[in-house]
Protein backbone atom coordinates (compact mmCIF):
# COMPACT_ATOMS: atom_id res chain seq x y z
CA MET A 1 12.56 30.23 74.77
CA ARG A 2 16.00 29.48 73.41
CA LEU A 3 15.47 25.76 74.09
CA LEU A 4 12.06 25.88 72.36
CA SER A 5 13.58 27.64 69.35
CA THR A 6 16.28 24.98 69.11
CA VAL A 7 13.73 22.18 69.26
CA LEU A 8 11.62 23.81 66.54
CA ALA A 9 14.65 24.32 64.34
CA CYS A 10 15.64 20.67 64.68
CA ALA A 11 12.10 19.58 63.91
CA LEU A 12 12.05 21.71 60.77
CA LEU A 13 15.37 20.27 59.65
CA LEU A 14 14.14 16.72 60.19
CA PHE A 15 10.90 17.49 58.29
CA ALA A 16 12.86 18.97 55.40
CA ALA A 17 15.19 15.97 55.31
CA GLY A 18 12.21 13.64 55.31
CA CYS A 19 10.61 15.52 52.43
CA ALA A 20 13.84 15.43 50.45
CA SER A 21 14.18 11.68 50.89
CA ALA A 22 10.52 10.91 50.21
CA PRO A 23 10.01 9.09 46.88
CA GLN A 24 8.75 11.27 44.05
CA THR A 25 5.39 10.49 42.54
CA ILE A 26 5.93 9.21 39.01
CA THR A 27 3.08 10.52 36.91
CA ALA A 28 1.95 9.20 33.54
CA ARG A 29 0.52 12.56 32.49
CA PRO A 30 2.55 14.14 29.67
CA LEU A 31 4.61 17.27 30.21
CA GLY A 32 4.33 20.35 28.04
CA SER A 33 1.67 21.74 25.79
CA ALA A 34 -0.81 19.54 24.00
CA VAL A 35 -0.70 19.52 20.22
CA THR A 36 -3.69 19.51 17.91
CA ILE A 37 -3.92 16.37 15.79
CA VAL A 38 -5.14 17.46 12.37
CA VAL A 39 -8.31 15.63 11.36
CA PRO A 40 -8.75 15.06 7.61
CA LEU A 41 -11.90 15.75 5.60
CA GLY A 42 -14.68 13.34 6.44
CA LEU A 43 -13.81 12.61 10.08
CA PRO A 44 -15.37 14.11 13.21
CA ALA A 45 -13.52 15.90 16.01
CA LEU A 46 -10.98 13.59 17.62
CA PRO A 47 -11.80 12.42 21.17
CA ILE A 48 -8.84 13.02 23.49
CA PRO A 49 -8.68 11.68 27.08
CA GLU A 50 -8.26 14.39 29.68
CA ASP A 51 -5.39 12.60 31.41
CA ASN A 52 -3.40 11.89 28.24
CA PRO A 53 -3.28 14.95 25.98
CA PRO A 54 -1.00 14.31 22.99
CA THR A 55 2.30 16.20 22.87
CA GLU A 56 5.08 16.21 20.31
CA LYS A 57 7.30 14.18 22.63
CA THR A 58 4.72 11.54 23.59
CA ILE A 59 3.67 11.03 19.96
CA ALA A 60 7.31 10.66 18.87
CA LEU A 61 8.02 8.26 21.74
CA GLY A 62 4.90 6.25 20.93
CA ARG A 63 5.95 5.98 17.31
CA LYS A 64 9.36 4.66 18.34
CA LEU A 65 7.79 2.12 20.70
CA PHE A 66 5.22 1.00 18.10
CA TYR A 67 7.99 -0.13 15.75
CA ASP A 68 10.43 -1.43 18.39
CA THR A 69 10.90 -5.23 18.31
CA GLY A 70 12.53 -4.94 21.74
CA LEU A 71 9.05 -4.96 23.24
CA SER A 72 8.82 -8.71 22.58
CA ALA A 73 10.44 -11.63 24.40
CA ASP A 74 12.55 -12.72 21.44
CA GLY A 75 13.30 -9.25 20.08
CA LYS A 76 11.62 -10.09 16.77
CA LEU A 77 8.10 -8.65 17.10
CA SER A 78 6.69 -5.17 17.39
CA CYS A 79 3.20 -3.70 17.28
CA ALA A 80 3.84 -3.08 13.58
CA SER A 81 4.50 -6.78 12.97
CA CYS A 82 0.72 -7.27 12.97
CA HIS A 83 -0.31 -3.68 12.19
CA GLY A 84 2.03 -2.66 9.38
CA PRO A 85 1.50 0.58 7.45
CA ALA A 86 2.05 -1.17 4.12
CA ASN A 87 -1.08 -3.23 4.82
CA GLY A 88 -3.33 -0.47 6.09
CA PHE A 89 -2.03 -0.95 9.65
CA ALA A 90 -3.52 -4.46 9.60
CA ASP A 91 -2.10 -7.92 8.86
CA PRO A 92 -2.38 -9.55 5.40
CA ARG A 93 -2.24 -12.99 7.02
CA ARG A 94 -5.46 -14.59 8.19
CA PHE A 95 -3.95 -15.04 11.66
CA SER A 96 -0.88 -13.21 12.86
CA VAL A 97 2.26 -15.14 13.75
CA GLY A 98 3.51 -14.37 17.24
CA PHE A 99 6.16 -15.60 19.66
CA GLU A 100 7.75 -18.89 18.59
CA ASN A 101 5.48 -18.95 15.52
CA LYS A 102 2.31 -19.30 17.57
CA THR A 103 -0.87 -18.12 15.88
CA GLY A 104 -4.01 -16.64 17.33
CA ASP A 105 -7.56 -17.27 16.16
CA ARG A 106 -8.59 -13.75 15.08
CA ASN A 107 -7.47 -11.48 12.29
CA ALA A 108 -5.55 -8.38 13.40
CA PRO A 109 -7.83 -5.35 12.92
CA THR A 110 -6.55 -2.06 11.53
CA VAL A 111 -5.24 0.69 13.79
CA ILE A 112 -6.58 3.30 11.36
CA ASN A 113 -9.15 5.57 13.03
CA SER A 114 -9.17 3.34 16.12
CA ALA A 115 -9.07 6.54 18.17
CA TYR A 116 -12.80 6.89 17.51
CA SER A 117 -13.74 3.43 18.70
CA PRO A 118 -15.59 3.39 22.05
CA LEU A 119 -14.12 -0.06 22.76
CA GLN A 120 -11.01 -1.83 21.47
CA PHE A 121 -10.36 -5.36 20.14
CA TRP A 122 -12.90 -7.42 18.20
CA ASP A 123 -14.69 -8.29 21.45
CA GLY A 124 -14.41 -4.84 23.08
CA ARG A 125 -12.42 -6.10 26.06
CA ALA A 126 -10.36 -2.89 26.32
CA ALA A 127 -12.10 0.40 27.06
CA THR A 128 -9.37 2.67 25.66
CA LEU A 129 -6.42 2.76 23.30
CA GLU A 130 -4.22 3.04 26.38
CA ALA A 131 -5.61 -0.20 27.81
CA GLN A 132 -5.36 -1.94 24.43
CA ALA A 133 -1.67 -1.10 24.06
CA ALA A 134 -0.74 -3.26 27.05
CA GLY A 135 -2.47 -6.44 25.92
CA PRO A 136 -0.38 -7.82 23.03
CA ILE A 137 2.95 -7.17 24.77
CA ALA A 138 2.30 -9.64 27.58
CA ASN A 139 0.10 -12.04 25.61
CA PRO A 140 2.04 -15.35 25.38
CA VAL A 141 0.69 -15.98 21.87
CA GLU A 142 1.76 -12.54 20.67
CA MET A 143 4.83 -10.69 22.03
CA ASN A 144 5.13 -12.72 25.25
CA LEU A 145 6.98 -10.12 27.31
CA PRO A 146 5.64 -9.68 30.88
CA HIS A 147 5.08 -6.02 31.66
CA GLU A 148 7.65 -5.80 34.44
CA GLN A 149 10.30 -7.24 32.12
CA CYS A 150 9.31 -4.85 29.35
CA VAL A 151 9.67 -1.85 31.67
CA ALA A 152 13.03 -3.15 32.95
CA LYS A 153 14.34 -3.51 29.38
CA LEU A 154 13.38 0.06 28.54
CA ASN A 155 14.91 1.44 31.73
CA ALA A 156 18.16 -0.41 30.95
CA GLU A 157 18.57 1.83 27.90
CA PRO A 158 19.69 5.37 28.82
CA ALA A 159 18.33 6.75 25.55
CA TYR A 160 14.84 5.48 26.37
CA VAL A 161 15.02 6.76 29.96
CA LYS A 162 15.84 10.20 28.59
CA LEU A 163 12.92 10.10 26.17
CA PHE A 164 10.48 9.07 28.90
CA ASP A 165 11.81 11.73 31.26
CA GLU A 166 11.47 14.41 28.59
CA ALA A 167 7.93 13.31 27.74
CA PHE A 168 6.57 12.68 31.25
CA GLY A 169 9.07 13.99 33.79
CA PRO A 170 11.63 12.16 35.98
CA GLY A 171 11.03 8.48 36.59
CA GLY A 172 11.96 6.76 33.33
CA ALA A 173 9.72 4.16 31.76
CA THR A 174 6.60 2.78 33.41
CA MET A 175 3.89 0.66 31.89
CA LEU A 176 1.33 3.45 32.09
CA ARG A 177 3.72 5.90 30.44
CA MET A 178 4.40 3.45 27.66
CA GLN A 179 0.68 2.83 27.12
CA ASN A 180 -0.01 6.57 27.00
CA ALA A 181 2.75 7.18 24.48
CA ILE A 182 1.68 4.37 22.13
CA ALA A 183 -1.96 5.47 22.34
CA SER A 184 -1.04 9.07 21.52
CA PHE A 185 0.83 7.90 18.44
CA GLU A 186 -2.05 5.67 17.37
CA ARG A 187 -4.40 8.66 17.58
CA THR A 188 -2.44 10.22 14.73
CA VAL A 189 -3.11 7.23 12.45
CA LEU A 190 -6.11 8.76 10.71
CA ALA A 191 -7.44 8.19 7.21
CA GLY A 192 -9.87 10.51 5.50
CA ASN A 193 -9.91 12.87 2.52
CA SER A 194 -10.71 9.91 0.28
CA PRO A 195 -12.48 10.19 -3.08
CA PHE A 196 -15.71 9.53 -1.15
CA ASP A 197 -15.02 12.41 1.25
CA ARG A 198 -14.24 14.81 -1.53
CA TYR A 199 -17.44 13.74 -3.29
CA GLN A 200 -19.71 13.65 -0.23
CA TYR A 201 -18.33 16.43 1.96
CA GLY A 202 -16.15 18.38 -0.45
CA LYS A 203 -19.04 18.55 -2.95
CA ASP A 204 -16.83 17.53 -5.87
CA PRO A 205 -19.08 15.56 -8.26
CA LYS A 206 -16.08 14.22 -10.15
CA ALA A 207 -14.21 12.88 -7.11
CA MET A 208 -15.74 9.42 -7.48
CA SER A 209 -16.24 7.29 -10.57
CA PRO A 210 -19.77 6.61 -11.87
CA GLU A 211 -19.41 3.02 -10.64
CA ALA A 212 -18.51 4.17 -7.12
CA ILE A 213 -21.41 6.65 -7.09
CA ARG A 214 -23.80 3.84 -7.99
CA GLY A 215 -22.19 1.73 -5.28
CA LEU A 216 -22.76 4.47 -2.70
CA ALA A 217 -26.46 4.53 -3.57
CA ILE A 218 -26.70 0.75 -3.09
CA PHE A 219 -24.69 0.99 0.13
CA LYS A 220 -27.17 3.45 1.66
CA ASP A 221 -30.39 1.92 0.30
CA VAL A 222 -32.09 -0.09 3.07
CA ASN A 223 -33.86 -2.21 0.48
CA ARG A 224 -30.73 -3.07 -1.49
CA GLY A 225 -27.37 -3.07 0.29
CA ASN A 226 -28.48 -1.85 3.73
CA CYS A 227 -24.78 -1.50 4.57
CA ALA A 228 -24.99 1.93 6.24
CA VAL A 229 -27.16 0.55 9.05
CA CYS A 230 -23.92 -0.59 10.71
CA HIS A 231 -21.24 1.13 8.62
CA THR A 232 -22.62 4.57 9.35
CA ILE A 233 -22.47 7.71 7.20
CA GLY A 234 -23.32 11.04 8.82
CA GLU A 235 -24.27 14.43 7.47
CA THR A 236 -20.85 15.97 8.14
CA ASP A 237 -18.58 12.97 8.65
CA ALA A 238 -18.45 9.20 8.35
CA LEU A 239 -16.69 6.63 10.52
CA PHE A 240 -18.22 3.71 8.59
CA THR A 241 -18.80 1.87 11.85
CA ASP A 242 -21.42 2.11 14.57
CA GLY A 243 -18.88 0.90 17.13
CA LYS A 244 -21.33 -1.84 18.17
CA PHE A 245 -21.24 -5.63 18.11
CA HIS A 246 -23.14 -7.85 15.69
CA ASN A 247 -23.45 -11.53 14.88
CA LEU A 248 -23.21 -12.01 11.11
CA GLY A 249 -22.97 -15.77 11.15
CA SER A 250 -19.29 -15.67 10.21
CA GLY A 251 -16.90 -18.20 11.67
CA MET A 252 -19.33 -21.10 12.14
CA ASP A 253 -18.21 -24.68 12.62
CA ALA A 254 -19.29 -27.68 10.53
CA ASN A 255 -22.39 -28.11 12.68
CA GLY A 256 -23.49 -24.51 12.20
CA GLU A 257 -22.50 -23.52 15.73
CA VAL A 258 -20.63 -20.37 16.74
CA LYS A 259 -16.95 -21.25 17.17
CA ASP A 260 -15.78 -17.97 18.73
CA LEU A 261 -18.13 -16.52 21.34
CA GLY A 262 -16.88 -12.98 20.69
CA ARG A 263 -18.50 -10.27 22.79
CA PHE A 264 -20.23 -12.86 24.97
CA LYS A 265 -16.90 -13.62 26.64
CA GLU A 266 -16.92 -10.10 28.08
CA THR A 267 -20.61 -9.48 28.78
CA LYS A 268 -22.00 -12.99 29.38
CA ILE A 269 -25.16 -11.71 27.69
CA GLU A 270 -26.71 -14.52 25.68
CA THR A 271 -27.50 -12.39 22.64
CA ASP A 272 -23.82 -11.39 22.38
CA ARG A 273 -22.78 -14.89 21.36
CA GLY A 274 -20.78 -14.70 18.14
CA ALA A 275 -21.03 -10.90 18.04
CA PHE A 276 -18.01 -8.85 16.98
CA LYS A 277 -17.33 -5.16 16.62
CA THR A 278 -18.25 -3.50 13.35
CA PRO A 279 -14.93 -2.69 11.65
CA THR A 280 -14.37 0.62 9.92
CA LEU A 281 -14.41 0.47 6.13
CA ARG A 282 -11.84 3.24 5.84
CA ASN A 283 -8.92 2.02 3.67
CA ILE A 284 -10.66 -1.35 3.54
CA GLU A 285 -9.10 -2.04 0.14
CA LYS A 286 -5.72 -2.43 1.88
CA THR A 287 -6.70 -4.51 4.89
CA ALA A 288 -7.65 -7.94 3.51
CA PRO A 289 -8.51 -10.56 4.66
CA TYR A 290 -11.83 -9.66 6.25
CA MET A 291 -14.11 -10.61 9.17
CA HIS A 292 -12.92 -11.33 12.70
CA ASP A 293 -11.49 -14.66 11.57
CA GLY A 294 -10.04 -13.50 8.25
CA SER A 295 -12.31 -15.95 6.47
CA GLN A 296 -13.16 -13.66 3.54
CA LYS A 297 -10.21 -13.07 1.22
CA SER A 298 -11.58 -10.25 -0.93
CA LEU A 299 -14.15 -7.46 -0.96
CA LYS A 300 -16.12 -9.42 -3.54
CA ALA A 301 -16.21 -12.41 -1.20
CA VAL A 302 -17.48 -10.18 1.63
CA ILE A 303 -20.30 -8.85 -0.55
CA ASP A 304 -21.23 -12.35 -1.70
CA PHE A 305 -21.35 -13.41 1.96
CA TYR A 306 -23.79 -10.60 2.76
CA VAL A 307 -25.86 -11.27 -0.35
CA GLY A 308 -26.40 -14.78 0.97
CA GLY A 309 -27.54 -13.41 4.30
CA GLY A 310 -24.48 -14.60 6.20
CA ASN A 311 -24.90 -17.87 8.06
CA SER A 312 -28.13 -18.54 9.89
CA ASN A 313 -27.82 -19.06 13.63
CA LEU A 314 -29.83 -18.38 16.76
CA TYR A 315 -28.08 -15.05 17.43
CA ARG A 316 -27.69 -13.62 13.93
CA ASP A 317 -28.38 -9.88 13.82
CA LYS A 318 -31.88 -9.02 12.65
CA GLU A 319 -30.49 -6.65 10.00
CA ILE A 320 -28.69 -9.49 8.22
CA LYS A 321 -30.87 -10.81 5.43
CA GLU A 322 -30.50 -12.04 1.87
CA LEU A 323 -29.93 -9.30 -0.70
CA LYS A 324 -31.07 -9.14 -4.29
CA LEU A 325 -28.04 -7.64 -6.02
CA THR A 326 -26.97 -8.18 -9.61
CA GLY A 327 -23.41 -8.85 -10.65
CA ARG A 328 -23.01 -5.20 -11.63
CA ASP A 329 -24.43 -4.08 -8.28
CA ARG A 330 -21.76 -6.09 -6.51
CA GLU A 331 -19.02 -4.69 -8.71
CA ASP A 332 -20.26 -1.17 -8.01
CA LEU A 333 -20.17 -1.81 -4.27
CA VAL A 334 -16.56 -2.95 -4.56
CA GLU A 335 -15.69 0.23 -6.48
CA PHE A 336 -17.38 2.33 -3.81
CA MET A 337 -15.39 0.67 -1.03
CA LYS A 338 -12.18 1.27 -2.96
CA ALA A 339 -13.17 4.96 -3.01
CA LEU A 340 -12.87 4.93 0.81
CA THR A 341 -9.08 4.72 0.59
CA GLY A 342 -7.73 7.95 2.03
CA GLU A 343 -4.38 9.49 2.74
CA LEU A 344 -2.43 8.64 5.87
CA PRO A 345 -0.57 11.48 7.59
CA ALA A 346 3.20 11.81 7.49
CA ASN A 347 5.30 10.46 10.36
CA THR A 348 3.24 7.34 10.94
CA GLY A 349 5.75 4.93 9.41
CA PRO A 350 8.97 3.76 11.10
CA GLU A 351 11.46 6.42 12.17
CA GLY A 352 13.35 7.74 9.18
CA THR A 353 10.34 7.47 6.88
CA ASN A 354 7.48 9.86 6.18
């Protein structure tokens, strides 16, 4: 019996030692209590992924990462380089300038209200904000920093290791943790409570100008503007996007052929050729230029493009057709879209700003 007891004791000691030396599982799920992200007037309830509830620490970490140029190969570019708050979290250049002055072939879309989008990027190639956050960092035309190098750089900074540990638990930075933090910050970049929202949902008849009110009527009228068929307006809220993909005939080459295949690259469905995601019109006044290729420089130019029925091609959306709008109608539509400019919450700019 004594020998058996000794053997059992040794076995227990060896088991305990093995457990102590076993590597800890590094989770990307945030620590602590989730916070409620306040949704402004005019927006629906915010979708939150079950495995990445926002916390004060992950949002703060994501904000720091979003503005950190250290996440690029040359230390000059951050997420905000193409999605700056001064420009409606979009890029005022037709094509963003990335690593070693390389340029892409699509305009950088706004981050505003991207938390509501069922798919990310113009072509929908990322299913979540978390997945989207990883793309530009490693893209050789954008930030050009391979993920393993990015994680190593962050873990070489004790201050960052501490922030990751506080937000997620021991283990420092990982790519998944970084993606979760950036996505949680981006979910706070919401715009609502615009003159339109106060007029439509706040029931304030004086919140919009007479011109904007006329523009709203044209916007919703299927026989005039027919804009709301894709830029949706609901009874209690409005995202001004259906989250779907449409071919408008924008971005054609000299022979009238689609230059950028858009959604087709992801689905290989023939009817998706030249189709791109419907952008939100929230804060659209601040996010010029427009279309996936930045080809339209102003809101007036966008309306003129639609009035002409876009560009005819084999895959053009059936809802795109020539419009009979007067000069005043077009001006009223512009005034309505300006009335979609809403307030951005505090703490979405770089650290040290509101």
